[in-house]
Amino acid sequence: MMNNGSKRFANLKRLAEWKEKEAATRFGRERRERDGAFKRLQELRQYRKEYLQRYTQSVQADGSVTRMREYQLFIDKLDEAVAEQERLLRHHEDRCDLAKRAWGDEYTNTRTLDTVIERKRGEERRAQAKSEQRLIDDRGPRRS
């Protein structure tokens, strides 16, 4: 049984649950973005490592200054790409942390409303029982 007081709280709870769900969805999206950025960074680092090995082998076999310079320019570009991906990863980690905290806040709000609603329903049940008891007492046999 729900009176107007607990009904109002129930409406607030539905809104809180919706906000919590939205925050969880946002957190999931940010986590996927962060994980993707991390994976791309690992791939770039691996590619750079492999390219550097080829560079070392090529220099040892060829020794061409022009070829060495081309390899070095490309390695410099890979270093820039790695640094940019590291910045992007930090950005996504920050956004993921914020989204996780927001989700936690919404979760806490929803649980708090659960507690308030249960308390309000308890008050309403006690008030209803008291009212029913008064009716029984008023209608019951009277002793003189």
C-alpha atoms as a PDB file:
ATOM      1  CA  MET A   1       0.000   0.000   0.000  1.00  0.00           C
ATOM      2  CA  MET A   2       1.334   3.411  -0.995  1.00  0.00           C
ATOM      3  CA  ASN A   3       0.057   6.777   0.130  1.00  0.00           C
ATOM      4  CA  ASN A   4       0.782  10.042  -1.619  1.00  0.00           C
ATOM      5  CA  GLY A   5       3.990  10.543   0.347  1.00  0.00           C
ATOM      6  CA  SER A   6       5.569   7.264  -0.692  1.00  0.00           C
ATOM      7  CA  LYS A   7       4.175   7.651  -4.239  1.00  0.00           C
ATOM      8  CA  ARG A   8       6.055  10.936  -4.600  1.00  0.00           C
ATOM      9  CA  PHE A   9       9.214   9.235  -3.415  1.00  0.00           C
ATOM     10  CA  ALA A  10       8.576   6.347  -5.809  1.00  0.00           C
ATOM     11  CA  ASN A  11       8.453   8.837  -8.680  1.00  0.00           C
ATOM     12  CA  LEU A  12      11.732  10.317  -7.490  1.00  0.00           C
ATOM     13  CA  LYS A  13      13.172   6.818  -7.274  1.00  0.00           C
ATOM     14  CA  ARG A  14      12.219   6.065 -10.884  1.00  0.00           C
ATOM     15  CA  LEU A  15      13.980   9.260 -11.924  1.00  0.00           C
ATOM     16  CA  ALA A  16      17.029   8.327  -9.826  1.00  0.00           C
ATOM     17  CA  GLU A  17      17.092   4.842 -11.365  1.00  0.00           C
ATOM     18  CA  TRP A  18      16.956   6.370 -14.837  1.00  0.00           C
ATOM     19  CA  LYS A  19      19.828   8.721 -13.975  1.00  0.00           C
ATOM     20  CA  GLU A  20      21.802   5.811 -12.529  1.00  0.00           C
ATOM     21  CA  LYS A  21      21.240   3.763 -15.684  1.00  0.00           C
ATOM     22  CA  GLU A  22      22.326   6.686 -17.873  1.00  0.00           C
ATOM     23  CA  ALA A  23      25.438   7.180 -15.741  1.00  0.00           C
ATOM     24  CA  ALA A  24      26.266   3.458 -15.971  1.00  0.00           C
ATOM     25  CA  THR A  25      25.866   3.594 -19.752  1.00  0.00           C
ATOM     26  CA  ARG A  26      28.137   6.638 -19.926  1.00  0.00           C
ATOM     27  CA  PHE A  27      30.710   4.885 -17.742  1.00  0.00           C
ATOM     28  CA  GLY A  28      30.602   1.812 -19.987  1.00  0.00           C
ATOM     29  CA  ARG A  29      31.098   3.958 -23.081  1.00  0.00           C
ATOM     30  CA  GLU A  30      34.012   5.847 -21.497  1.00  0.00           C
ATOM     31  CA  ARG A  31      35.601   2.582 -20.371  1.00  0.00           C
ATOM     32  CA  ARG A  32      35.396   1.188 -23.909  1.00  0.00           C
ATOM     33  CA  GLU A  33      36.978   4.387 -25.256  1.00  0.00           C
ATOM     34  CA  ARG A  34      39.747   4.157 -22.673  1.00  0.00           C
ATOM     35  CA  ASP A  35      40.367   0.481 -23.442  1.00  0.00           C
ATOM     36  CA  GLY A  36      40.462   1.229 -27.175  1.00  0.00           C
ATOM     37  CA  ALA A  37      42.969   4.042 -26.634  1.00  0.00           C
ATOM     38  CA  PHE A  38      45.117   1.725 -24.530  1.00  0.00           C
ATOM     39  CA  LYS A  39      45.009  -0.969 -27.200  1.00  0.00           C
ATOM     40  CA  ARG A  40      45.998   1.520 -29.925  1.00  0.00           C
ATOM     41  CA  LEU A  41      48.883   2.734 -27.759  1.00  0.00           C
ATOM     42  CA  GLN A  42      50.106  -0.840 -27.270  1.00  0.00           C
ATOM     43  CA  GLU A  43      49.863  -1.442 -31.029  1.00  0.00           C
ATOM     44  CA  LEU A  44      51.821   1.747 -31.775  1.00  0.00           C
ATOM     45  CA  ARG A  45      54.511   0.806 -29.275  1.00  0.00           C
ATOM     46  CA  GLN A  46      54.782  -2.684 -30.755  1.00  0.00           C
ATOM     47  CA  TYR A  47      54.957  -1.308 -34.299  1.00  0.00           C
ATOM     48  CA  ARG A  48      57.659   1.162 -33.234  1.00  0.00           C
ATOM     49  CA  LYS A  49      59.640  -1.642 -31.593  1.00  0.00           C
ATOM     50  CA  GLU A  50      59.424  -3.808 -34.721  1.00  0.00           C
ATOM     51  CA  TYR A  51      60.303  -0.881 -36.981  1.00  0.00           C
ATOM     52  CA  LEU A  52      63.301  -0.040 -34.796  1.00  0.00           C
ATOM     53  CA  GLN A  53      64.509  -3.632 -35.111  1.00  0.00           C
ATOM     54  CA  ARG A  54      64.208  -3.440 -38.904  1.00  0.00           C
ATOM     55  CA  TYR A  55      66.016  -0.091 -38.806  1.00  0.00           C
ATOM     56  CA  THR A  56      68.888  -1.599 -36.817  1.00  0.00           C
ATOM     57  CA  GLN A  57      69.159  -4.562 -39.163  1.00  0.00           C
ATOM     58  CA  SER A  58      68.991  -2.334 -42.230  1.00  0.00           C
ATOM     59  CA  VAL A  59      71.692   0.016 -40.983  1.00  0.00           C
ATOM     60  CA  GLN A  60      73.962  -2.879 -40.180  1.00  0.00           C
ATOM     61  CA  ALA A  61      73.395  -4.464 -43.587  1.00  0.00           C
ATOM     62  CA  ASP A  62      73.286  -1.329 -45.740  1.00  0.00           C
ATOM     63  CA  GLY A  63      74.928   1.536 -43.880  1.00  0.00           C
ATOM     64  CA  SER A  64      73.383   4.087 -46.251  1.00  0.00           C
ATOM     65  CA  VAL A  65      73.159   7.532 -44.659  1.00  0.00           C
ATOM     66  CA  THR A  66      70.079   8.398 -46.710  1.00  0.00           C
ATOM     67  CA  ARG A  67      68.324   5.228 -45.634  1.00  0.00           C
ATOM     68  CA  MET A  68      69.317   5.838 -42.012  1.00  0.00           C
ATOM     69  CA  ARG A  69      67.889   9.353 -42.200  1.00  0.00           C
ATOM     70  CA  GLU A  70      64.583   8.073 -43.679  1.00  0.00           C
ATOM     71  CA  TYR A  71      64.286   5.491 -40.913  1.00  0.00           C
ATOM     72  CA  GLN A  72      65.077   8.107 -38.264  1.00  0.00           C
ATOM     73  CA  LEU A  73      62.445  10.511 -39.615  1.00  0.00           C
ATOM     74  CA  PHE A  74      59.845   7.766 -39.568  1.00  0.00           C
ATOM     75  CA  ILE A  75      60.819   6.732 -36.030  1.00  0.00           C
ATOM     76  CA  ASP A  76      60.470  10.377 -34.968  1.00  0.00           C
ATOM     77  CA  LYS A  77      56.946  10.412 -36.430  1.00  0.00           C
ATOM     78  CA  LEU A  78      56.163   7.168 -34.587  1.00  0.00           C
ATOM     79  CA  ASP A  79      57.443   8.742 -31.348  1.00  0.00           C
ATOM     80  CA  GLU A  80      55.119  11.694 -31.906  1.00  0.00           C
ATOM     81  CA  ALA A  81      52.213   9.337 -32.566  1.00  0.00           C
ATOM     82  CA  VAL A  82      53.001   7.378 -29.390  1.00  0.00           C
ATOM     83  CA  ALA A  83      53.185  10.607 -27.338  1.00  0.00           C
ATOM     84  CA  GLU A  84      49.866  11.806 -28.780  1.00  0.00           C
ATOM     85  CA  GLN A  85      48.237   8.444 -28.068  1.00  0.00           C
ATOM     86  CA  GLU A  86      49.555   8.588 -24.484  1.00  0.00           C
ATOM     87  CA  ARG A  87      47.926  12.029 -24.072  1.00  0.00           C
ATOM     88  CA  LEU A  88      44.704  10.664 -25.562  1.00  0.00           C
ATOM     89  CA  LEU A  89      44.805   7.688 -23.208  1.00  0.00           C
ATOM     90  CA  ARG A  90      45.240   9.978 -20.182  1.00  0.00           C
ATOM     91  CA  HIS A  91      42.275  12.026 -21.426  1.00  0.00           C
ATOM     92  CA  HIS A  92      40.116   8.898 -21.690  1.00  0.00           C
ATOM     93  CA  GLU A  93      41.293   7.667 -18.288  1.00  0.00           C
ATOM     94  CA  ASP A  94      40.234  10.978 -16.735  1.00  0.00           C
ATOM     95  CA  ARG A  95      36.837  10.860 -18.450  1.00  0.00           C
ATOM     96  CA  CYS A  96      36.394   7.236 -17.380  1.00  0.00           C
ATOM     97  CA  ASP A  97      37.209   8.116 -13.755  1.00  0.00           C
ATOM     98  CA  LEU A  98      34.721  10.992 -13.811  1.00  0.00           C
ATOM     99  CA  ALA A  99      32.013   8.789 -15.326  1.00  0.00           C
ATOM    100  CA  LYS A 100      32.682   6.083 -12.738  1.00  0.00           C
ATOM    101  CA  ARG A 101      32.363   8.588  -9.891  1.00  0.00           C
ATOM    102  CA  ALA A 102      29.151   9.998 -11.400  1.00  0.00           C
ATOM    103  CA  TRP A 103      27.730   6.493 -11.656  1.00  0.00           C
ATOM    104  CA  GLY A 104      28.696   5.809  -8.037  1.00  0.00           C
ATOM    105  CA  ASP A 105      26.992   9.028  -6.951  1.00  0.00           C
ATOM    106  CA  GLU A 106      23.800   8.123  -8.798  1.00  0.00           C
ATOM    107  CA  TYR A 107      23.908   4.606  -7.341  1.00  0.00           C
ATOM    108  CA  THR A 108      24.213   6.090  -3.846  1.00  0.00           C
ATOM    109  CA  ASN A 109      21.317   8.457  -4.515  1.00  0.00           C
ATOM    110  CA  THR A 110      19.127   5.566  -5.648  1.00  0.00           C
ATOM    111  CA  ARG A 111      19.994   3.468  -2.575  1.00  0.00           C
ATOM    112  CA  THR A 112      19.317   6.473  -0.318  1.00  0.00           C
ATOM    113  CA  LEU A 113      15.890   6.898  -1.882  1.00  0.00           C
ATOM    114  CA  ASP A 114      15.246   3.174  -1.311  1.00  0.00           C
ATOM    115  CA  THR A 115      15.916   3.711   2.380  1.00  0.00           C
ATOM    116  CA  VAL A 116      13.747   6.837   2.549  1.00  0.00           C
ATOM    117  CA  ILE A 117      10.889   5.093   0.729  1.00  0.00           C
ATOM    118  CA  GLU A 118      11.025   2.077   3.032  1.00  0.00           C
ATOM    119  CA  ARG A 119      11.038   4.363   6.067  1.00  0.00           C
ATOM    120  CA  LYS A 120       8.089   6.339   4.664  1.00  0.00           C
ATOM    121  CA  ARG A 121       6.148   3.146   3.912  1.00  0.00           C
ATOM    122  CA  GLY A 122       6.803   1.947   7.454  1.00  0.00           C
ATOM    123  CA  GLU A 123       5.442   5.227   8.806  1.00  0.00           C
ATOM    124  CA  GLU A 124       2.393   4.899   6.542  1.00  0.00           C
ATOM    125  CA  ARG A 125       1.783   1.296   7.681  1.00  0.00           C
ATOM    126  CA  ARG A 126       2.047   2.306  11.332  1.00  0.00           C
ATOM    127  CA  ALA A 127      -0.326   5.243  10.772  1.00  0.00           C
ATOM    128  CA  GLN A 128      -2.768   2.959   8.934  1.00  0.00           C
ATOM    129  CA  ALA A 129      -2.605   0.349  11.711  1.00  0.00           C
ATOM    130  CA  LYS A 130      -3.162   3.049  14.327  1.00  0.00           C
ATOM    131  CA  SER A 131      -6.152   4.363  12.386  1.00  0.00           C
ATOM    132  CA  GLU A 132      -7.620   0.880  12.025  1.00  0.00           C
ATOM    133  CA  GLN A 133      -7.095   0.216  15.738  1.00  0.00           C
ATOM    134  CA  ARG A 134      -8.942   3.453  16.602  1.00  0.00           C
ATOM    135  CA  LEU A 135     -11.860   2.333  14.400  1.00  0.00           C
ATOM    136  CA  ILE A 136     -11.952  -1.047  16.102  1.00  0.00           C
ATOM    137  CA  ASP A 137     -11.773   0.575  19.517  1.00  0.00           C
ATOM    138  CA  ASP A 138     -14.552   3.040  18.631  1.00  0.00           C
ATOM    139  CA  ARG A 139     -16.858   0.321  17.274  1.00  0.00           C
ATOM    140  CA  GLY A 140     -16.131  -2.267  19.885  1.00  0.00           C
ATOM    141  CA  PRO A 141     -18.381  -3.084  22.847  1.00  0.00           C
ATOM    142  CA  ARG A 142     -18.364  -0.460  25.524  1.00  0.00           C
ATOM    143  CA  ARG A 143     -18.101  -1.412  29.138  1.00  0.00           C
ATOM    144  CA  SER A 144     -19.583   0.741  31.773  1.00  0.00           C
END
